[in-house]
Amino acid sequence: MKNNIVFVLGMHRSGTSMLTSMVEASGYHCGDNLQPPGSDNPNGYWEDLVMLRINESLLRALGKDWSSLGTPEYSEIEELLCFDELKSEAVGYLTQQINKYQRLVVKDPRVCILLPFWLSVCKELNATSKFLIIKRDAAAIVQSLHKRDLMDPVYAMQLVMCYWAQIAYCVITKDNDWSFVDYESISSQDQHSMLAKRLGSFLDADSQDILKALTNYKSEMNHSVQQGTELQTICFDFQKSFCEAFPCALTCQDLKQYQALSFVHQSLSFWGDTQGIIQKVSQSLARFSADITNKKIVVYGAGTVAKSIVGHLGVDILCGVDKSVFEKTTLLNIAFHPINYLRSLDNATILVTVTGRKEVIRDTLANFNHKLIFIEDFFNDHANY
């Protein structure tokens, strides 16, 4: 059997997990270390934890996370102190998995932003690399991100554009082997047979296995698009045609325009990280702080939500922990440690700032015997607003 590795590419909240499950059903393997299902993806994330850790480490080294605007170039990534170590680990791990399974599928939406890195990894693998792109209606993605992460719609739309622009430039413009699935078409049973045949041909797999997965899969992501949502109100004029045509190649002029947005993205990053959340909880944040006063507070997670609220809490924070931190480091003006640092603390209260993965995080932290407070519970309780 020929060695193949398929990268499933798409924005967060656009059906990448669903598509990956179909590729897996056709005979591809997702890796040996899958992330458990969560409340926002009860059917599973289909993400290998080794790949996830590599991506999060690269983004952190770039001063970013999955929700940061911008499209890093290979030269930026190559200059990172951790580049050689992480590239060697990525090549070694994928080589081991390919030797074991021959057919491997990789899914983590962060790969889209880090495509320059992963394309360099692919060159060192003894396998044919393919890229399977899924597109969901941009307005639906924006609404899903707003619902899950309280992300401002203007910011969310620019984030979608960053992911799509990186895919377009790195995969399509550079003539890599790719195919495309429309998210909305998956809900139409009339199109299942044709889609299964097309995917079967691209993957060199049995289309009947894919058709069965299409029939059986129950998507948890079909959030309706609100009436009156207009794309032109949340993206630049030059982005409209690209948004409609994606997946498509980026012209040189398009690429220059996206690169020219770097300053705008820097400004939006400051505003977008705070606007959606702080606006919603500004009147009640003091009351939340009062509830946790006089507790030894440890922050879990150093992502978008943490950045938005930490400076606005009127309490002293002991330290932070994050699964992507492997040695003590300062983030958000707080000393962050690996998760196992919790074993050295007594009677701490862990403020979980990661949203959408409550059960997974609860299981991860269960052995440390500390009280847990989930910020998403506070957000989701509308009596607090």
Protein backbone atom coordinates (compact mmCIF):
# COMPACT_ATOMS: atom_id res chain seq x y z
CA MET A 1 0.00 0.00 0.00
CA LYS A 2 1.28 3.45 -0.92
CA ASN A 3 2.15 5.76 1.97
CA ASN A 4 -0.27 8.69 2.10
CA ILE A 5 -0.72 11.53 4.59
CA VAL A 6 -3.83 13.70 4.31
CA PHE A 7 -4.09 17.06 6.05
CA VAL A 8 -7.67 18.20 6.71
CA LEU A 9 -7.68 21.99 6.46
CA GLY A 10 -10.38 24.40 7.54
CA MET A 11 -11.24 27.12 10.00
CA HIS A 12 -12.32 26.24 13.54
CA ARG A 13 -16.07 25.53 13.75
CA SER A 14 -16.26 24.57 10.08
CA GLY A 15 -16.64 20.78 10.20
CA THR A 16 -13.02 19.62 10.18
CA SER A 17 -13.78 16.99 12.84
CA MET A 18 -16.71 15.64 10.86
CA LEU A 19 -14.66 15.46 7.65
CA THR A 20 -11.75 13.79 9.42
CA SER A 21 -14.06 11.11 10.79
CA MET A 22 -15.08 10.31 7.20
CA VAL A 23 -11.45 10.08 6.07
CA GLU A 24 -10.76 7.80 9.03
CA ALA A 25 -13.72 5.60 8.05
CA SER A 26 -12.17 5.15 4.60
CA GLY A 27 -9.08 3.46 6.06
CA TYR A 28 -6.84 6.29 7.24
CA HIS A 29 -5.56 6.49 10.82
CA CYS A 30 -5.70 9.62 12.99
CA GLY A 31 -2.74 8.82 15.24
CA ASP A 32 -2.13 7.06 18.53
CA ASN A 33 -2.90 9.92 20.91
CA LEU A 34 -6.35 11.28 20.15
CA GLN A 35 -7.82 14.09 22.21
CA PRO A 36 -11.03 12.96 24.00
CA PRO A 37 -14.42 14.38 22.93
CA GLY A 38 -15.64 17.61 24.53
CA SER A 39 -18.89 19.49 25.00
CA ASP A 40 -18.37 21.50 21.79
CA ASN A 41 -17.41 18.37 19.80
CA PRO A 42 -19.20 15.41 21.40
CA ASN A 43 -18.36 13.16 18.43
CA GLY A 44 -14.65 13.76 18.98
CA TYR A 45 -11.99 16.24 17.85
CA TRP A 46 -9.99 13.64 15.86
CA GLU A 47 -6.82 15.53 16.84
CA ASP A 48 -3.57 13.82 17.78
CA LEU A 49 -2.28 15.33 21.04
CA VAL A 50 1.35 15.22 19.87
CA MET A 51 0.48 17.28 16.78
CA LEU A 52 -1.64 19.62 18.90
CA ARG A 53 1.23 20.20 21.32
CA ILE A 54 3.67 20.95 18.50
CA ASN A 55 1.26 23.47 16.98
CA GLU A 56 0.55 25.17 20.28
CA SER A 57 4.28 25.35 21.06
CA LEU A 58 4.99 26.98 17.69
CA LEU A 59 2.18 29.50 18.10
CA ARG A 60 3.26 30.36 21.63
CA ALA A 61 6.83 30.89 20.44
CA LEU A 62 5.43 33.28 17.81
CA GLY A 63 3.54 35.15 20.53
CA LYS A 64 0.22 33.87 19.19
CA ASP A 65 -2.53 31.35 19.84
CA TRP A 66 -5.18 29.81 17.58
CA SER A 67 -7.27 33.01 17.69
CA SER A 68 -4.48 35.46 16.82
CA LEU A 69 -4.77 37.39 13.57
CA GLY A 70 -2.02 37.20 10.97
CA THR A 71 -0.40 34.70 8.62
CA PRO A 72 3.18 33.89 9.69
CA GLU A 73 5.69 33.25 6.93
CA TYR A 74 8.24 30.44 6.88
CA SER A 75 11.09 32.83 7.64
CA GLU A 76 9.38 33.90 10.88
CA ILE A 77 8.87 30.31 11.97
CA GLU A 78 12.35 29.18 10.96
CA GLU A 79 13.92 31.86 13.18
CA LEU A 80 12.28 30.47 16.33
CA LEU A 81 14.63 28.95 18.88
CA CYS A 82 12.37 25.90 19.11
CA PHE A 83 12.15 25.40 15.31
CA ASP A 84 14.78 22.68 14.86
CA GLU A 85 13.61 20.69 17.88
CA LEU A 86 9.93 20.83 16.93
CA LYS A 87 10.55 20.10 13.25
CA SER A 88 12.69 17.09 14.17
CA GLU A 89 9.95 15.87 16.53
CA ALA A 90 7.27 16.37 13.88
CA VAL A 91 9.21 14.51 11.19
CA GLY A 92 10.08 11.71 13.59
CA TYR A 93 6.56 11.28 14.92
CA LEU A 94 4.83 11.37 11.53
CA THR A 95 7.44 8.98 10.08
CA GLN A 96 6.76 6.54 12.91
CA GLN A 97 2.99 6.82 12.40
CA ILE A 98 3.24 6.43 8.61
CA ASN A 99 5.49 3.38 8.97
CA LYS A 100 2.91 1.91 11.34
CA TYR A 101 -0.30 2.70 9.44
CA GLN A 102 0.76 3.65 5.86
CA ARG A 103 -2.27 5.96 5.62
CA LEU A 104 -2.43 8.86 8.05
CA VAL A 105 -4.86 11.75 8.40
CA VAL A 106 -3.87 14.88 10.34
CA LYS A 107 -6.44 17.32 11.65
CA ASP A 108 -5.87 20.43 13.72
CA PRO A 109 -7.14 23.78 12.39
CA ARG A 110 -3.94 25.38 13.74
CA VAL A 111 -2.11 23.61 10.89
CA CYS A 112 -3.72 26.15 8.52
CA ILE A 113 -1.91 29.07 10.12
CA LEU A 114 1.31 27.03 10.41
CA LEU A 115 1.24 25.59 6.87
CA PRO A 116 4.73 26.93 6.00
CA PHE A 117 6.11 24.76 8.81
CA TRP A 118 4.12 21.64 7.92
CA LEU A 119 4.92 21.88 4.21
CA SER A 120 8.60 21.84 5.14
CA VAL A 121 7.94 18.76 7.29
CA CYS A 122 6.14 17.01 4.40
CA LYS A 123 9.24 17.32 2.22
CA GLU A 124 11.08 14.99 4.61
CA LEU A 125 8.40 12.30 4.81
CA ASN A 126 8.35 9.11 2.77
CA ALA A 127 4.72 9.66 1.83
CA THR A 128 2.49 11.44 -0.65
CA SER A 129 0.99 14.55 0.95
CA LYS A 130 -2.59 15.55 0.15
CA PHE A 131 -4.71 18.41 1.45
CA LEU A 132 -8.46 18.16 1.96
CA ILE A 133 -10.09 21.56 2.44
CA ILE A 134 -13.52 22.12 3.98
CA LYS A 135 -15.40 25.39 3.67
CA ARG A 136 -18.36 26.44 5.78
CA ASP A 137 -20.37 29.61 5.25
CA ALA A 138 -18.26 32.38 6.80
CA ALA A 139 -21.21 34.01 8.59
CA ALA A 140 -22.06 30.66 10.22
CA ILE A 141 -18.47 30.27 11.44
CA VAL A 142 -18.53 33.79 12.86
CA GLN A 143 -21.76 33.13 14.73
CA SER A 144 -20.43 29.82 16.07
CA LEU A 145 -17.25 31.51 17.34
CA HIS A 146 -19.31 34.25 18.93
CA LYS A 147 -21.54 31.69 20.65
CA ARG A 148 -18.67 29.49 21.89
CA ASP A 149 -15.94 32.07 22.61
CA LEU A 150 -17.88 35.36 22.78
CA MET A 151 -15.68 36.52 19.91
CA ASP A 152 -16.54 39.85 18.34
CA PRO A 153 -17.98 39.27 14.82
CA VAL A 154 -15.65 41.77 13.12
CA TYR A 155 -12.63 40.11 14.71
CA ALA A 156 -13.96 36.61 13.97
CA MET A 157 -14.44 37.41 10.29
CA GLN A 158 -10.88 38.62 9.97
CA LEU A 159 -9.72 35.44 11.69
CA VAL A 160 -11.59 33.35 9.10
CA MET A 161 -9.93 35.38 6.34
CA CYS A 162 -6.47 34.75 7.84
CA TYR A 163 -7.01 30.97 7.91
CA TRP A 164 -8.42 30.90 4.39
CA ALA A 165 -5.72 33.19 2.97
CA GLN A 166 -2.96 30.97 4.40
CA ILE A 167 -4.59 27.87 2.89
CA ALA A 168 -5.05 29.61 -0.46
CA TYR A 169 -1.48 30.84 -0.69
CA CYS A 170 0.39 27.85 0.76
CA VAL A 171 -1.66 25.01 -0.74
CA ILE A 172 -3.61 26.19 -3.79
CA THR A 173 -1.36 28.89 -5.26
CA LYS A 174 1.67 26.60 -4.88
CA ASP A 175 -0.01 23.71 -6.74
CA ASN A 176 -0.16 21.12 -3.99
CA ASP A 177 -2.48 18.10 -4.34
CA TRP A 178 -5.79 19.25 -2.86
CA SER A 179 -9.52 18.69 -2.96
CA PHE A 180 -12.50 20.50 -1.49
CA VAL A 181 -15.66 19.71 0.48
CA ASP A 182 -18.50 22.17 1.01
CA TYR A 183 -19.82 21.91 4.57
CA GLU A 184 -23.36 22.88 3.67
CA SER A 185 -23.55 20.14 1.00
CA ILE A 186 -22.93 17.45 3.61
CA SER A 187 -26.37 18.05 5.10
CA SER A 188 -27.97 17.24 1.72
CA GLN A 189 -28.46 13.49 1.38
CA ASP A 190 -28.98 13.95 -2.36
CA GLN A 191 -25.30 14.87 -2.67
CA HIS A 192 -23.87 12.12 -0.45
CA SER A 193 -23.29 9.57 -3.20
CA MET A 194 -21.47 12.00 -5.47
CA LEU A 195 -19.40 13.39 -2.57
CA ALA A 196 -18.43 9.89 -1.43
CA LYS A 197 -17.27 8.96 -4.93
CA ARG A 198 -15.22 12.15 -5.26
CA LEU A 199 -13.58 11.69 -1.86
CA GLY A 200 -12.97 8.01 -2.56
CA SER A 201 -11.15 8.91 -5.77
CA PHE A 202 -9.05 11.61 -4.09
CA LEU A 203 -8.16 9.39 -1.12
CA ASP A 204 -7.77 6.21 -3.19
CA ALA A 205 -10.31 4.61 -0.85
CA ASP A 206 -13.62 2.75 -0.95
CA SER A 207 -16.40 5.28 -1.51
CA GLN A 208 -18.92 3.00 0.22
CA ASP A 209 -17.11 3.38 3.53
CA ILE A 210 -17.26 7.15 3.14
CA LEU A 211 -20.94 7.02 2.15
CA LYS A 212 -21.73 5.01 5.28
CA ALA A 213 -19.92 7.57 7.45
CA LEU A 214 -21.81 10.39 5.74
CA THR A 215 -25.11 8.68 6.43
CA ASN A 216 -24.37 7.87 10.06
CA TYR A 217 -22.61 11.04 11.18
CA LYS A 218 -24.68 13.31 13.42
CA SER A 219 -23.27 16.82 13.31
CA GLU A 220 -23.52 18.89 16.45
CA MET A 221 -22.52 22.08 14.62
CA ASN A 222 -25.58 23.03 12.59
CA HIS A 223 -26.14 26.41 14.18
CA SER A 224 -28.50 28.44 12.03
CA VAL A 225 -27.37 31.72 10.56
CA GLN A 226 -29.38 34.61 11.96
CA GLN A 227 -31.46 36.55 9.50
CA GLY A 228 -29.95 39.86 8.54
CA THR A 229 -26.30 38.86 8.86
CA GLU A 230 -24.52 40.65 6.02
CA LEU A 231 -20.99 39.72 5.11
CA GLN A 232 -20.11 43.17 3.81
CA THR A 233 -20.51 44.67 7.27
CA ILE A 234 -17.71 42.56 8.75
CA CYS A 235 -15.04 42.28 6.05
CA PHE A 236 -13.14 44.58 3.70
CA ASP A 237 -14.40 45.11 0.16
CA PHE A 238 -11.44 43.34 -1.45
CA GLN A 239 -12.09 40.28 0.72
CA LYS A 240 -15.64 39.72 -0.51
CA SER A 241 -14.78 38.13 -3.85
CA PHE A 242 -12.12 35.94 -2.23
CA CYS A 243 -14.57 34.84 0.46
CA GLU A 244 -17.11 33.81 -2.17
CA ALA A 245 -14.56 32.07 -4.42
CA PHE A 246 -12.56 30.24 -1.73
CA PRO A 247 -10.96 27.76 -2.09
CA CYS A 248 -9.03 29.53 -4.80
CA ALA A 249 -5.52 30.77 -5.52
CA LEU A 250 -4.42 34.16 -4.23
CA THR A 251 -3.17 36.60 -6.84
CA CYS A 252 -0.04 38.62 -6.13
CA GLN A 253 -2.22 41.68 -5.61
CA ASP A 254 -4.46 39.80 -3.16
CA LEU A 255 -1.42 38.63 -1.22
CA LYS A 256 -0.03 42.17 -0.99
CA GLN A 257 -3.38 43.40 0.30
CA TYR A 258 -3.47 40.74 3.00
CA GLN A 259 0.08 41.53 4.02
CA ALA A 260 -0.87 45.20 4.20
CA LEU A 261 -3.47 44.31 6.82
CA SER A 262 -0.79 43.45 9.39
CA PHE A 263 -1.13 46.78 11.19
CA VAL A 264 -4.93 46.53 11.15
CA HIS A 265 -4.69 43.02 12.53
CA GLN A 266 -2.39 44.15 15.33
CA SER A 267 -4.92 46.81 16.29
CA LEU A 268 -7.85 44.40 16.03
CA SER A 269 -5.97 41.85 18.13
CA PHE A 270 -5.91 44.26 21.06
CA TRP A 271 -9.51 45.27 20.58
CA GLY A 272 -10.88 41.90 19.52
CA ASP A 273 -9.42 40.03 22.47
CA THR A 274 -11.32 42.22 24.90
CA GLN A 275 -14.37 43.64 23.18
CA GLY A 276 -16.66 40.64 23.00
CA ILE A 277 -16.06 39.35 26.50
CA ILE A 278 -15.56 42.51 28.53
CA GLN A 279 -18.56 44.21 26.97
CA LYS A 280 -20.74 41.29 28.00
CA VAL A 281 -19.53 40.98 31.58
CA SER A 282 -18.36 44.49 32.42
CA GLN A 283 -21.25 45.19 34.78
CA SER A 284 -20.89 41.92 36.65
CA LEU A 285 -17.12 41.33 36.73
CA ALA A 286 -16.77 43.05 40.10
CA ARG A 287 -19.40 40.73 41.56
CA PHE A 288 -17.57 37.69 40.18
CA SER A 289 -14.30 38.95 41.70
CA ALA A 290 -16.01 39.35 45.07
CA ASP A 291 -17.01 35.68 44.98
CA ILE A 292 -13.40 34.53 44.67
CA THR A 293 -11.73 37.05 46.98
CA ASN A 294 -9.49 35.55 49.69
CA LYS A 295 -8.93 32.38 47.69
CA LYS A 296 -5.59 31.12 46.34
CA ILE A 297 -6.43 31.61 42.67
CA VAL A 298 -4.59 29.64 39.99
CA VAL A 299 -5.51 30.46 36.39
CA TYR A 300 -5.86 27.49 34.03
CA GLY A 301 -5.28 28.49 30.40
CA ALA A 302 -3.43 31.43 28.86
CA GLY A 303 -5.59 31.99 25.80
CA THR A 304 -8.00 34.64 24.58
CA VAL A 305 -10.39 34.58 27.54
CA ALA A 306 -7.58 34.73 30.09
CA LYS A 307 -6.01 37.69 28.29
CA SER A 308 -9.37 39.44 28.35
CA ILE A 309 -10.28 39.08 32.02
CA VAL A 310 -7.12 38.63 34.09
CA GLY A 311 -6.29 42.33 34.23
CA HIS A 312 -9.89 43.18 35.17
CA LEU A 313 -10.24 40.84 38.14
CA GLY A 314 -9.88 42.55 41.47
CA VAL A 315 -8.13 39.58 43.07
CA ASP A 316 -4.56 38.42 43.53
CA ILE A 317 -3.58 35.53 41.27
CA LEU A 318 -1.09 33.06 42.69
CA CYS A 319 0.10 31.65 39.36
CA GLY A 320 -1.12 30.01 36.17
CA VAL A 321 -0.93 26.56 34.58
CA ASP A 322 -1.34 25.55 30.95
CA LYS A 323 -0.97 22.22 29.14
CA SER A 324 1.31 23.74 26.51
CA VAL A 325 3.75 25.14 29.11
CA PHE A 326 6.68 22.80 29.84
CA GLU A 327 8.77 25.02 32.08
CA LYS A 328 8.09 28.12 34.16
CA THR A 329 7.41 31.12 31.95
CA THR A 330 5.78 34.53 32.36
CA LEU A 331 2.53 35.06 30.44
CA LEU A 332 -0.03 37.82 31.02
CA ASN A 333 2.33 39.08 33.78
CA ILE A 334 1.72 35.83 35.63
CA ALA A 335 4.15 32.98 36.28
CA PHE A 336 2.77 30.00 34.33
CA HIS A 337 3.85 26.42 35.11
CA PRO A 338 3.23 22.93 33.68
CA ILE A 339 -0.01 21.38 34.94
CA ASN A 340 1.83 19.03 37.33
CA TYR A 341 2.85 22.08 39.35
CA LEU A 342 -0.61 21.85 40.90
CA ARG A 343 0.64 18.92 43.00
CA SER A 344 2.85 21.30 44.97
CA LEU A 345 -0.08 23.53 45.99
CA ASP A 346 -2.50 23.14 48.89
CA ASN A 347 -6.15 24.18 48.85
CA ALA A 348 -5.96 26.24 45.69
CA THR A 349 -8.92 27.39 43.62
CA ILE A 350 -8.40 26.87 39.89
CA LEU A 351 -10.08 29.44 37.68
CA VAL A 352 -10.57 27.67 34.34
CA THR A 353 -10.55 30.25 31.54
CA VAL A 354 -10.70 27.74 28.68
CA THR A 355 -14.22 27.44 27.27
CA GLY A 356 -15.98 24.63 25.42
CA ARG A 357 -14.04 21.69 26.91
CA LYS A 358 -15.40 21.51 30.42
CA GLU A 359 -15.63 17.74 30.85
CA VAL A 360 -12.19 17.09 29.37
CA ILE A 361 -10.60 19.72 31.62
CA ARG A 362 -12.49 18.46 34.66
CA ASP A 363 -11.09 14.96 34.04
CA THR A 364 -7.58 16.38 33.53
CA LEU A 365 -7.65 18.27 36.82
CA ALA A 366 -9.55 15.71 38.90
CA ASN A 367 -6.41 14.13 40.40
CA PHE A 368 -5.10 17.39 41.86
CA ASN A 369 -7.86 17.81 44.48
CA HIS A 370 -8.36 21.54 44.06
CA LYS A 371 -11.63 23.44 43.77
CA LEU A 372 -12.56 24.29 40.17
CA ILE A 373 -14.37 27.41 38.98
CA PHE A 374 -15.26 27.47 35.28
CA ILE A 375 -15.52 30.98 33.89
CA GLU A 376 -17.84 29.68 31.15
CA ASP A 377 -20.43 28.82 33.82
CA PHE A 378 -20.46 32.47 34.78
CA PHE A 379 -20.69 33.56 31.14
CA ASN A 380 -23.49 31.11 30.39
CA ASP A 381 -25.60 32.16 33.38
CA HIS A 382 -27.59 35.02 31.87
CA ALA A 383 -28.68 36.13 35.35
CA ASN A 384 -25.17 37.57 35.68
CA TYR A 385 -25.72 40.16 32.93
